[in-house]
């Protein structure tokens, strides 16, 4: 398990450093938004699918709707 984390870090650290140093602000914001949505999917997958399933047509759709609607809405 540890080697998977090390391998992921070896691949992602240069990508993130390059993105931050040489990428535009729009690219950084886009990648950050993608990471936030993926993290929300993982968070909702921990315990929400059985509770949300009756509301939507499936747990995957429910997690997607929750991820898209979790903003403040200002």
N, C-alpha and C. Protein backbone atom coordinates (compact mmCIF):
# COMPACT_ATOMS: atom_id res chain seq x y z
N UNK A 1 0.83 -1.20 0.00
CA UNK A 1 0.00 0.00 0.00
C UNK A 1 0.87 1.26 0.00
N UNK A 2 1.96 1.22 0.73
CA UNK A 2 2.83 2.40 0.80
C UNK A 2 3.44 2.72 -0.55
N UNK A 3 3.81 1.70 -1.31
CA UNK A 3 4.45 1.96 -2.60
C UNK A 3 3.49 2.63 -3.57
N UNK A 4 2.19 2.37 -3.44
CA UNK A 4 1.21 3.05 -4.29
C UNK A 4 1.16 4.55 -3.97
N UNK A 5 1.23 4.87 -2.71
CA UNK A 5 1.22 6.29 -2.32
C UNK A 5 2.49 6.99 -2.78
N UNK A 6 3.62 6.31 -2.66
CA UNK A 6 4.89 6.89 -3.11
C UNK A 6 4.88 7.08 -4.62
N UNK A 7 4.39 6.08 -5.35
CA UNK A 7 4.32 6.19 -6.81
C UNK A 7 3.40 7.33 -7.24
N UNK A 8 2.27 7.47 -6.56
CA UNK A 8 1.36 8.56 -6.87
C UNK A 8 2.01 9.91 -6.60
N UNK A 9 2.72 10.02 -5.50
CA UNK A 9 3.41 11.28 -5.18
C UNK A 9 4.50 11.59 -6.19
N UNK A 10 5.23 10.58 -6.63
CA UNK A 10 6.31 10.79 -7.62
C UNK A 10 5.73 11.32 -8.93
N UNK A 11 4.54 10.88 -9.28
CA UNK A 11 3.92 11.33 -10.52
C UNK A 11 3.24 12.69 -10.35
N UNK A 12 2.51 12.88 -9.25
CA UNK A 12 1.69 14.08 -9.11
C UNK A 12 2.44 15.32 -8.62
N UNK A 13 3.47 15.16 -7.82
CA UNK A 13 4.17 16.34 -7.31
C UNK A 13 4.79 17.17 -8.42
N UNK A 14 5.51 16.57 -9.39
CA UNK A 14 6.02 17.40 -10.48
C UNK A 14 4.91 18.05 -11.31
N UNK A 15 3.79 17.34 -11.50
CA UNK A 15 2.67 17.91 -12.24
C UNK A 15 2.10 19.13 -11.53
N UNK A 16 1.90 19.03 -10.23
CA UNK A 16 1.32 20.13 -9.46
C UNK A 16 2.28 21.32 -9.40
N UNK A 17 3.56 21.05 -9.19
CA UNK A 17 4.55 22.13 -9.14
C UNK A 17 4.61 22.84 -10.49
N UNK A 18 4.63 22.07 -11.58
CA UNK A 18 4.63 22.68 -12.91
C UNK A 18 3.38 23.48 -13.19
N UNK A 19 2.24 22.95 -12.77
CA UNK A 19 0.99 23.67 -12.97
C UNK A 19 0.97 24.99 -12.21
N UNK A 20 1.43 24.97 -10.98
CA UNK A 20 1.41 26.18 -10.16
C UNK A 20 2.41 27.21 -10.66
N UNK A 21 3.60 26.76 -11.06
CA UNK A 21 4.64 27.71 -11.47
C UNK A 21 4.44 28.23 -12.89
N UNK A 22 4.00 27.38 -13.81
CA UNK A 22 3.94 27.80 -15.21
C UNK A 22 2.55 27.79 -15.81
N UNK A 23 1.56 27.34 -15.08
CA UNK A 23 0.21 27.31 -15.61
C UNK A 23 -0.51 28.62 -15.37
N UNK A 24 -1.53 28.84 -16.17
CA UNK A 24 -2.33 30.06 -15.98
C UNK A 24 -3.29 29.87 -14.80
N UNK A 25 -3.83 30.96 -14.35
CA UNK A 25 -4.76 30.91 -13.22
C UNK A 25 -6.00 30.10 -13.58
N UNK A 26 -6.43 30.17 -14.82
CA UNK A 26 -7.60 29.42 -15.24
C UNK A 26 -7.36 27.91 -15.15
N UNK A 27 -6.18 27.46 -15.55
CA UNK A 27 -5.86 26.03 -15.47
C UNK A 27 -5.79 25.56 -14.01
N UNK A 28 -5.20 26.38 -13.17
CA UNK A 28 -5.12 26.02 -11.75
C UNK A 28 -6.53 25.92 -11.16
N UNK A 29 -7.40 26.85 -11.49
CA UNK A 29 -8.77 26.83 -10.99
C UNK A 29 -9.53 25.62 -11.53
N UNK A 30 -9.33 25.29 -12.79
CA UNK A 30 -10.01 24.15 -13.39
C UNK A 30 -9.57 22.83 -12.73
N UNK A 31 -8.28 22.67 -12.53
CA UNK A 31 -7.78 21.45 -11.88
C UNK A 31 -8.26 21.39 -10.43
N UNK A 32 -8.26 22.50 -9.74
CA UNK A 32 -8.74 22.53 -8.37
C UNK A 32 -10.23 22.16 -8.29
N UNK A 33 -11.03 22.67 -9.22
CA UNK A 33 -12.45 22.32 -9.25
C UNK A 33 -12.65 20.83 -9.51
N UNK A 34 -11.85 20.26 -10.39
CA UNK A 34 -11.94 18.83 -10.66
C UNK A 34 -11.58 18.01 -9.43
N UNK A 35 -10.54 18.42 -8.72
CA UNK A 35 -10.14 17.72 -7.49
C UNK A 35 -11.24 17.82 -6.43
N UNK A 36 -11.88 18.97 -6.32
CA UNK A 36 -12.95 19.14 -5.34
C UNK A 36 -14.13 18.23 -5.67
N UNK A 37 -14.52 18.15 -6.94
CA UNK A 37 -15.65 17.29 -7.33
C UNK A 37 -15.32 15.83 -7.07
N UNK A 38 -14.10 15.40 -7.40
CA UNK A 38 -13.70 14.01 -7.15
C UNK A 38 -13.68 13.71 -5.65
N UNK A 39 -13.22 14.66 -4.85
CA UNK A 39 -13.22 14.46 -3.40
C UNK A 39 -14.64 14.37 -2.85
N UNK A 40 -15.56 15.16 -3.38
CA UNK A 40 -16.95 15.08 -2.95
C UNK A 40 -17.57 13.74 -3.31
N UNK A 41 -17.26 13.22 -4.52
CA UNK A 41 -17.75 11.91 -4.90
C UNK A 41 -17.27 10.85 -3.92
N UNK A 42 -16.00 10.90 -3.56
CA UNK A 42 -15.47 9.92 -2.61
C UNK A 42 -16.11 10.08 -1.24
N UNK A 43 -16.28 11.31 -0.81
CA UNK A 43 -16.90 11.58 0.49
C UNK A 43 -18.32 11.03 0.55
N UNK A 44 -19.11 11.32 -0.49
CA UNK A 44 -20.49 10.85 -0.49
C UNK A 44 -20.58 9.34 -0.67
N UNK A 45 -19.57 8.73 -1.26
CA UNK A 45 -19.58 7.28 -1.44
C UNK A 45 -19.35 6.55 -0.12
N UNK A 46 -18.84 7.23 0.88
CA UNK A 46 -18.56 6.57 2.16
C UNK A 46 -19.82 6.12 2.89
N UNK A 47 -20.88 6.90 2.84
CA UNK A 47 -22.04 6.50 3.61
C UNK A 47 -23.37 6.97 3.08
N UNK A 48 -23.37 7.74 2.04
CA UNK A 48 -24.61 8.33 1.58
C UNK A 48 -25.43 7.48 0.60
N UNK A 49 -24.88 6.56 -0.18
CA UNK A 49 -25.69 5.95 -1.25
C UNK A 49 -26.98 5.28 -0.76
N UNK A 50 -26.95 4.59 0.36
CA UNK A 50 -28.16 3.92 0.81
C UNK A 50 -29.22 4.90 1.30
N UNK A 51 -28.80 6.02 1.83
CA UNK A 51 -29.76 7.01 2.34
C UNK A 51 -30.33 7.87 1.22
N UNK A 52 -29.56 8.06 0.15
CA UNK A 52 -29.99 8.95 -0.93
C UNK A 52 -30.70 8.20 -2.05
N UNK A 53 -30.53 6.89 -2.15
CA UNK A 53 -31.05 6.11 -3.27
C UNK A 53 -32.54 6.32 -3.54
N UNK A 54 -33.41 6.40 -2.54
CA UNK A 54 -34.82 6.60 -2.87
C UNK A 54 -35.12 7.97 -3.49
N UNK A 55 -34.26 8.94 -3.28
CA UNK A 55 -34.51 10.29 -3.78
C UNK A 55 -34.27 10.37 -5.28
N UNK A 56 -33.18 9.79 -5.77
CA UNK A 56 -32.83 9.87 -7.18
C UNK A 56 -32.93 8.48 -7.79
N UNK A 57 -32.59 8.40 -9.07
CA UNK A 57 -32.71 7.12 -9.76
C UNK A 57 -31.49 6.25 -9.57
N UNK A 58 -30.71 6.50 -8.58
CA UNK A 58 -29.56 5.66 -8.30
C UNK A 58 -28.53 6.41 -7.49
N UNK A 59 -27.68 5.69 -6.78
CA UNK A 59 -26.69 6.36 -5.93
C UNK A 59 -25.70 7.20 -6.71
N UNK A 60 -25.33 6.77 -7.91
CA UNK A 60 -24.35 7.53 -8.69
C UNK A 60 -24.93 8.88 -9.10
N UNK A 61 -26.18 8.90 -9.54
CA UNK A 61 -26.83 10.15 -9.92
C UNK A 61 -27.02 11.05 -8.71
N UNK A 62 -27.35 10.45 -7.58
CA UNK A 62 -27.55 11.23 -6.35
C UNK A 62 -26.25 11.91 -5.93
N UNK A 63 -25.14 11.17 -5.98
CA UNK A 63 -23.85 11.78 -5.62
C UNK A 63 -23.50 12.90 -6.59
N UNK A 64 -23.78 12.70 -7.88
CA UNK A 64 -23.49 13.75 -8.86
C UNK A 64 -24.30 15.00 -8.55
N UNK A 65 -25.59 14.83 -8.27
CA UNK A 65 -26.45 15.99 -7.97
C UNK A 65 -25.98 16.68 -6.69
N UNK A 66 -25.62 15.92 -5.67
CA UNK A 66 -25.13 16.53 -4.44
C UNK A 66 -23.83 17.28 -4.67
N UNK A 67 -22.95 16.74 -5.50
CA UNK A 67 -21.68 17.42 -5.78
C UNK A 67 -21.92 18.73 -6.52
N UNK A 68 -22.85 18.72 -7.46
CA UNK A 68 -23.09 19.92 -8.25
C UNK A 68 -23.88 20.98 -7.46
N UNK A 69 -24.63 20.57 -6.46
CA UNK A 69 -25.48 21.49 -5.72
C UNK A 69 -24.92 21.85 -4.35
N UNK A 70 -23.69 21.49 -4.09
CA UNK A 70 -23.15 21.72 -2.74
C UNK A 70 -22.54 23.10 -2.56
N UNK A 71 -22.66 23.97 -3.54
CA UNK A 71 -22.15 25.33 -3.42
C UNK A 71 -23.06 26.18 -2.56
N UNK A 72 -22.61 27.37 -2.28
CA UNK A 72 -23.40 28.27 -1.44
C UNK A 72 -24.57 28.89 -2.19
N UNK A 73 -24.43 29.07 -3.48
CA UNK A 73 -25.53 29.62 -4.28
C UNK A 73 -25.67 31.13 -4.17
N UNK A 74 -24.58 31.84 -3.93
CA UNK A 74 -24.64 33.30 -3.81
C UNK A 74 -24.93 33.93 -5.14
